[in-house]
Amino acid sequence: MVAIDLLAADSVYLRENLIENFIEKQEKKAYLLNGCSIYLTHEPCIMCAMALLHSRVSTVYYLNHNVHAGALGSKYKLHTLKKTNHRFTVYHLEQINNGDTVNS
């Protein structure tokens, strides 16, 4: 019985250490998108644009305007607000007849 108690105690100790090590490793990993570019088929709404702002993305490229709720140029320009704590560059891409895209 003593052996089982010792084994159980070691098991609890190992499990707690594994959890602590996992949490420490996760805290060290960067969860932000610093320096990343995002390519989208459609201009994001205000909620999605705020998620991009909070994730610290550096550049957003999008193809189609969102005239009703676009937050990066069509209706709003969230990425240019001076009261936000991060800004990013936005490019609207226009499709040319042969399928290539260029910055507009």
N, C-alpha and C. Protein backbone atom coordinates (compact mmCIF):
# COMPACT_ATOMS: atom_id res chain seq x y z
N MET A 1 0.81 -1.19 0.00
CA MET A 1 0.00 0.00 0.00
C MET A 1 0.86 1.26 0.00
N VAL A 2 1.97 1.22 0.69
CA VAL A 2 2.88 2.36 0.74
C VAL A 2 3.41 2.66 -0.66
N ALA A 3 3.72 1.63 -1.41
CA ALA A 3 4.23 1.82 -2.77
C ALA A 3 3.19 2.51 -3.65
N ILE A 4 1.94 2.13 -3.51
CA ILE A 4 0.87 2.75 -4.29
C ILE A 4 0.72 4.22 -3.91
N ASP A 5 0.78 4.51 -2.61
CA ASP A 5 0.69 5.90 -2.16
C ASP A 5 1.84 6.74 -2.71
N LEU A 6 3.05 6.19 -2.69
CA LEU A 6 4.21 6.91 -3.22
C LEU A 6 4.06 7.13 -4.73
N LEU A 7 3.60 6.12 -5.43
CA LEU A 7 3.41 6.24 -6.87
C LEU A 7 2.34 7.29 -7.18
N ALA A 8 1.26 7.29 -6.44
CA ALA A 8 0.19 8.27 -6.64
C ALA A 8 0.69 9.67 -6.37
N ALA A 9 1.48 9.84 -5.32
CA ALA A 9 2.04 11.15 -5.00
C ALA A 9 2.96 11.63 -6.11
N ASP A 10 3.80 10.73 -6.63
CA ASP A 10 4.68 11.10 -7.74
C ASP A 10 3.87 11.46 -8.98
N SER A 11 2.80 10.74 -9.21
CA SER A 11 1.95 11.01 -10.37
C SER A 11 1.35 12.41 -10.29
N VAL A 12 0.87 12.79 -9.12
CA VAL A 12 0.31 14.13 -8.93
C VAL A 12 1.39 15.18 -9.13
N TYR A 13 2.57 14.94 -8.57
CA TYR A 13 3.69 15.87 -8.71
C TYR A 13 4.08 16.03 -10.18
N LEU A 14 4.20 14.92 -10.91
CA LEU A 14 4.56 14.99 -12.32
C LEU A 14 3.50 15.72 -13.13
N ARG A 15 2.24 15.43 -12.86
CA ARG A 15 1.16 16.09 -13.58
C ARG A 15 1.18 17.60 -13.34
N GLU A 16 1.37 18.03 -12.11
CA GLU A 16 1.42 19.46 -11.80
C GLU A 16 2.60 20.12 -12.49
N ASN A 17 3.75 19.45 -12.52
CA ASN A 17 4.92 20.00 -13.21
C ASN A 17 4.69 20.09 -14.70
N LEU A 18 4.06 19.09 -15.29
CA LEU A 18 3.77 19.13 -16.72
C LEU A 18 2.87 20.31 -17.05
N ILE A 19 1.85 20.52 -16.23
CA ILE A 19 0.93 21.63 -16.46
C ILE A 19 1.66 22.97 -16.32
N GLU A 20 2.47 23.11 -15.28
CA GLU A 20 3.22 24.36 -15.08
C GLU A 20 4.18 24.61 -16.24
N ASN A 21 4.89 23.57 -16.69
CA ASN A 21 5.81 23.72 -17.82
C ASN A 21 5.07 24.11 -19.08
N PHE A 22 3.92 23.50 -19.31
CA PHE A 22 3.13 23.82 -20.50
C PHE A 22 2.69 25.28 -20.47
N ILE A 23 2.21 25.74 -19.32
CA ILE A 23 1.76 27.13 -19.19
C ILE A 23 2.92 28.09 -19.40
N GLU A 24 4.08 27.79 -18.85
CA GLU A 24 5.25 28.65 -19.03
C GLU A 24 5.64 28.73 -20.50
N LYS A 25 5.63 27.61 -21.20
CA LYS A 25 5.98 27.61 -22.63
C LYS A 25 4.96 28.41 -23.44
N GLN A 26 3.68 28.28 -23.10
CA GLN A 26 2.65 29.02 -23.82
C GLN A 26 2.78 30.51 -23.59
N GLU A 27 3.16 30.92 -22.39
CA GLU A 27 3.31 32.34 -22.10
C GLU A 27 4.49 32.93 -22.85
N LYS A 28 5.51 32.13 -23.11
CA LYS A 28 6.69 32.63 -23.82
C LYS A 28 6.43 32.76 -25.32
N LYS A 29 5.50 31.98 -25.86
CA LYS A 29 5.21 32.04 -27.29
C LYS A 29 4.51 33.36 -27.61
N ALA A 30 4.86 33.93 -28.74
CA ALA A 30 4.21 35.16 -29.18
C ALA A 30 2.86 34.81 -29.79
N TYR A 31 1.82 35.49 -29.36
CA TYR A 31 0.51 35.24 -29.92
C TYR A 31 0.09 36.36 -30.87
N LEU A 32 0.92 37.38 -30.99
CA LEU A 32 0.60 38.51 -31.85
C LEU A 32 1.14 38.27 -33.26
N LEU A 33 0.60 38.99 -34.21
CA LEU A 33 0.99 38.84 -35.61
C LEU A 33 1.92 39.97 -36.05
N ASN A 34 2.84 40.36 -35.19
CA ASN A 34 3.79 41.42 -35.54
C ASN A 34 4.52 41.07 -36.82
N GLY A 35 4.53 42.02 -37.75
CA GLY A 35 5.26 41.82 -39.00
C GLY A 35 4.55 40.95 -40.02
N CYS A 36 3.35 40.50 -39.74
CA CYS A 36 2.63 39.62 -40.66
C CYS A 36 1.72 40.41 -41.59
N SER A 37 1.56 39.89 -42.79
CA SER A 37 0.62 40.45 -43.76
C SER A 37 -0.57 39.50 -43.88
N ILE A 38 -1.76 40.07 -44.04
CA ILE A 38 -2.98 39.29 -44.17
C ILE A 38 -3.56 39.56 -45.55
N TYR A 39 -3.94 38.50 -46.25
CA TYR A 39 -4.54 38.60 -47.58
C TYR A 39 -5.99 38.14 -47.48
N LEU A 40 -6.93 39.03 -47.85
CA LEU A 40 -8.35 38.75 -47.71
C LEU A 40 -9.07 38.89 -49.04
N THR A 41 -10.12 38.11 -49.22
CA THR A 41 -10.93 38.26 -50.43
C THR A 41 -11.88 39.44 -50.31
N HIS A 42 -12.29 39.78 -49.08
CA HIS A 42 -13.23 40.87 -48.85
C HIS A 42 -12.73 41.79 -47.74
N GLU A 43 -13.09 43.04 -47.87
CA GLU A 43 -12.76 44.02 -46.83
C GLU A 43 -13.46 43.63 -45.53
N PRO A 44 -12.75 43.62 -44.41
CA PRO A 44 -13.36 43.18 -43.16
C PRO A 44 -14.34 44.21 -42.58
N CYS A 45 -15.27 43.70 -41.79
CA CYS A 45 -16.20 44.56 -41.06
C CYS A 45 -15.45 45.19 -39.89
N ILE A 46 -16.13 46.00 -39.12
CA ILE A 46 -15.49 46.71 -38.01
C ILE A 46 -14.99 45.74 -36.94
N MET A 47 -15.75 44.68 -36.66
CA MET A 47 -15.34 43.72 -35.64
C MET A 47 -14.08 42.97 -36.08
N CYS A 48 -14.05 42.52 -37.32
CA CYS A 48 -12.88 41.80 -37.83
C CYS A 48 -11.67 42.73 -37.95
N ALA A 49 -11.91 43.97 -38.34
CA ALA A 49 -10.81 44.93 -38.43
C ALA A 49 -10.22 45.22 -37.06
N MET A 50 -11.06 45.27 -36.03
CA MET A 50 -10.55 45.46 -34.66
C MET A 50 -9.73 44.25 -34.23
N ALA A 51 -10.15 43.06 -34.63
CA ALA A 51 -9.36 41.86 -34.31
C ALA A 51 -8.00 41.95 -34.98
N LEU A 52 -7.94 42.44 -36.21
CA LEU A 52 -6.66 42.63 -36.89
C LEU A 52 -5.82 43.67 -36.16
N LEU A 53 -6.45 44.74 -35.71
CA LEU A 53 -5.73 45.78 -34.97
C LEU A 53 -5.17 45.22 -33.67
N HIS A 54 -5.98 44.49 -32.93
CA HIS A 54 -5.53 43.92 -31.65
C HIS A 54 -4.44 42.87 -31.84
N SER A 55 -4.43 42.20 -32.98
CA SER A 55 -3.41 41.18 -33.22
C SER A 55 -2.10 41.78 -33.72
N ARG A 56 -2.08 43.08 -33.94
CA ARG A 56 -0.88 43.82 -34.35
C ARG A 56 -0.37 43.42 -35.74
N VAL A 57 -1.29 43.12 -36.64
CA VAL A 57 -0.92 42.81 -38.01
C VAL A 57 -0.26 44.05 -38.63
N SER A 58 0.67 43.87 -39.56
CA SER A 58 1.36 45.03 -40.13
C SER A 58 0.75 45.50 -41.45
N THR A 59 0.23 44.58 -42.27
CA THR A 59 -0.32 44.95 -43.57
C THR A 59 -1.53 44.09 -43.89
N VAL A 60 -2.56 44.72 -44.48
CA VAL A 60 -3.74 43.99 -44.92
C VAL A 60 -3.94 44.27 -46.40
N TYR A 61 -4.13 43.22 -47.18
CA TYR A 61 -4.47 43.31 -48.60
C TYR A 61 -5.86 42.71 -48.77
N TYR A 62 -6.75 43.43 -49.46
CA TYR A 62 -8.07 42.85 -49.72
C TYR A 62 -8.49 43.14 -51.15
N LEU A 63 -9.36 42.28 -51.69
CA LEU A 63 -9.75 42.37 -53.08
C LEU A 63 -11.08 43.09 -53.28
N ASN A 64 -12.11 42.70 -52.56
CA ASN A 64 -13.45 43.26 -52.77
C ASN A 64 -13.85 44.22 -51.65
N HIS A 65 -14.45 45.34 -52.04
CA HIS A 65 -14.97 46.31 -51.07
C HIS A 65 -16.18 45.74 -50.34
N ASN A 66 -16.41 46.23 -49.14
CA ASN A 66 -17.62 45.92 -48.37
C ASN A 66 -18.32 47.26 -48.17
N VAL A 67 -19.16 47.65 -49.13
CA VAL A 67 -19.73 49.00 -49.13
C VAL A 67 -20.67 49.26 -47.96
N HIS A 68 -21.23 48.21 -47.37
CA HIS A 68 -22.19 48.39 -46.27
C HIS A 68 -21.52 48.47 -44.90
N ALA A 69 -20.41 47.74 -44.73
CA ALA A 69 -19.81 47.69 -43.39
C ALA A 69 -18.29 47.63 -43.42
N GLY A 70 -17.68 47.99 -44.53
CA GLY A 70 -16.22 47.91 -44.64
C GLY A 70 -15.52 48.86 -43.69
N ALA A 71 -14.56 48.33 -42.96
CA ALA A 71 -13.89 49.13 -41.93
C ALA A 71 -12.50 49.59 -42.33
N LEU A 72 -12.07 49.27 -43.55
CA LEU A 72 -10.71 49.65 -43.96
C LEU A 72 -10.72 50.51 -45.23
N GLY A 73 -11.78 51.30 -45.41
CA GLY A 73 -11.78 52.21 -46.53
C GLY A 73 -13.13 52.47 -47.14
N SER A 74 -13.99 51.47 -47.25
CA SER A 74 -15.28 51.67 -47.90
C SER A 74 -16.22 52.53 -47.06
N LYS A 75 -16.37 52.19 -45.81
CA LYS A 75 -17.28 52.93 -44.92
C LYS A 75 -16.50 53.63 -43.80
N TYR A 76 -15.57 52.92 -43.20
CA TYR A 76 -14.75 53.46 -42.11
C TYR A 76 -13.27 53.29 -42.46
N LYS A 77 -12.41 53.94 -41.72
CA LYS A 77 -10.96 53.79 -41.88
C LYS A 77 -10.35 53.55 -40.51
N LEU A 78 -10.68 52.42 -39.94
CA LEU A 78 -10.26 52.09 -38.59
C LEU A 78 -8.74 52.13 -38.42
N HIS A 79 -8.02 51.72 -39.42
CA HIS A 79 -6.56 51.62 -39.33
C HIS A 79 -5.88 52.98 -39.27
N THR A 80 -6.62 54.06 -39.48
CA THR A 80 -6.01 55.40 -39.46
C THR A 80 -6.39 56.22 -38.22
N LEU A 81 -7.23 55.69 -37.36
CA LEU A 81 -7.66 56.45 -36.18
C LEU A 81 -6.50 56.73 -35.25
N LYS A 82 -6.38 57.98 -34.83
CA LYS A 82 -5.27 58.37 -33.96
C LYS A 82 -5.43 57.89 -32.53
N LYS A 83 -6.65 57.57 -32.12
CA LYS A 83 -6.88 57.14 -30.74
C LYS A 83 -6.60 55.65 -30.53
N THR A 84 -6.35 54.92 -31.58
CA THR A 84 -6.02 53.50 -31.42
C THR A 84 -4.54 53.36 -31.10
N ASN A 85 -4.19 52.26 -30.47
CA ASN A 85 -2.80 52.06 -30.04
C ASN A 85 -1.95 51.33 -31.07
N HIS A 86 -2.50 51.08 -32.26
CA HIS A 86 -1.74 50.41 -33.32
C HIS A 86 -2.32 50.83 -34.66
N ARG A 87 -1.47 50.97 -35.63
CA ARG A 87 -1.91 51.27 -37.00
C ARG A 87 -1.26 50.29 -37.95
N PHE A 88 -1.92 50.02 -39.06
CA PHE A 88 -1.36 49.12 -40.06
C PHE A 88 -1.68 49.65 -41.45
N THR A 89 -0.94 49.17 -42.42
CA THR A 89 -1.10 49.60 -43.80
C THR A 89 -2.15 48.74 -44.49
N VAL A 90 -2.98 49.37 -45.31
CA VAL A 90 -4.04 48.65 -46.02
C VAL A 90 -3.92 48.91 -47.51
N TYR A 91 -4.05 47.85 -48.29
CA TYR A 91 -4.05 47.96 -49.75
C TYR A 91 -5.29 47.30 -50.30
N HIS A 92 -6.03 48.04 -51.13
CA HIS A 92 -7.14 47.43 -51.87
C HIS A 92 -6.58 47.00 -53.22
N LEU A 93 -6.77 45.75 -53.56
CA LEU A 93 -6.26 45.22 -54.82
C LEU A 93 -7.37 45.22 -55.86
N GLU A 94 -7.04 45.62 -57.06
CA GLU A 94 -8.02 45.58 -58.14
C GLU A 94 -7.65 44.47 -59.09
N GLN A 95 -8.68 43.75 -59.52
CA GLN A 95 -8.43 42.64 -60.44
C GLN A 95 -8.44 43.17 -61.87
N ILE A 96 -7.45 42.73 -62.64
CA ILE A 96 -7.35 43.11 -64.04
C ILE A 96 -7.90 41.96 -64.88
N ASN A 97 -8.29 42.22 -66.10
CA ASN A 97 -8.93 41.21 -66.95
C ASN A 97 -8.17 39.90 -67.05
N ASN A 98 -6.85 39.93 -67.06
CA ASN A 98 -6.09 38.69 -67.22
C ASN A 98 -5.91 37.94 -65.89
N GLY A 99 -6.48 38.44 -64.81
CA GLY A 99 -6.42 37.74 -63.53
C GLY A 99 -5.32 38.22 -62.62
N ASP A 100 -4.37 39.03 -63.12
CA ASP A 100 -3.32 39.56 -62.25
C ASP A 100 -3.92 40.63 -61.34
N THR A 101 -3.24 40.92 -60.24
CA THR A 101 -3.71 41.98 -59.35
C THR A 101 -2.61 43.01 -59.17
N VAL A 102 -3.03 44.23 -58.96
CA VAL A 102 -2.09 45.32 -58.71
C VAL A 102 -2.62 46.18 -57.56
N ASN A 103 -1.76 46.94 -56.94
CA ASN A 103 -2.20 47.86 -55.89
C ASN A 103 -2.95 49.02 -56.51
N SER A 104 -3.97 49.48 -55.83
CA SER A 104 -4.70 50.66 -56.33
C SER A 104 -4.43 51.84 -55.43
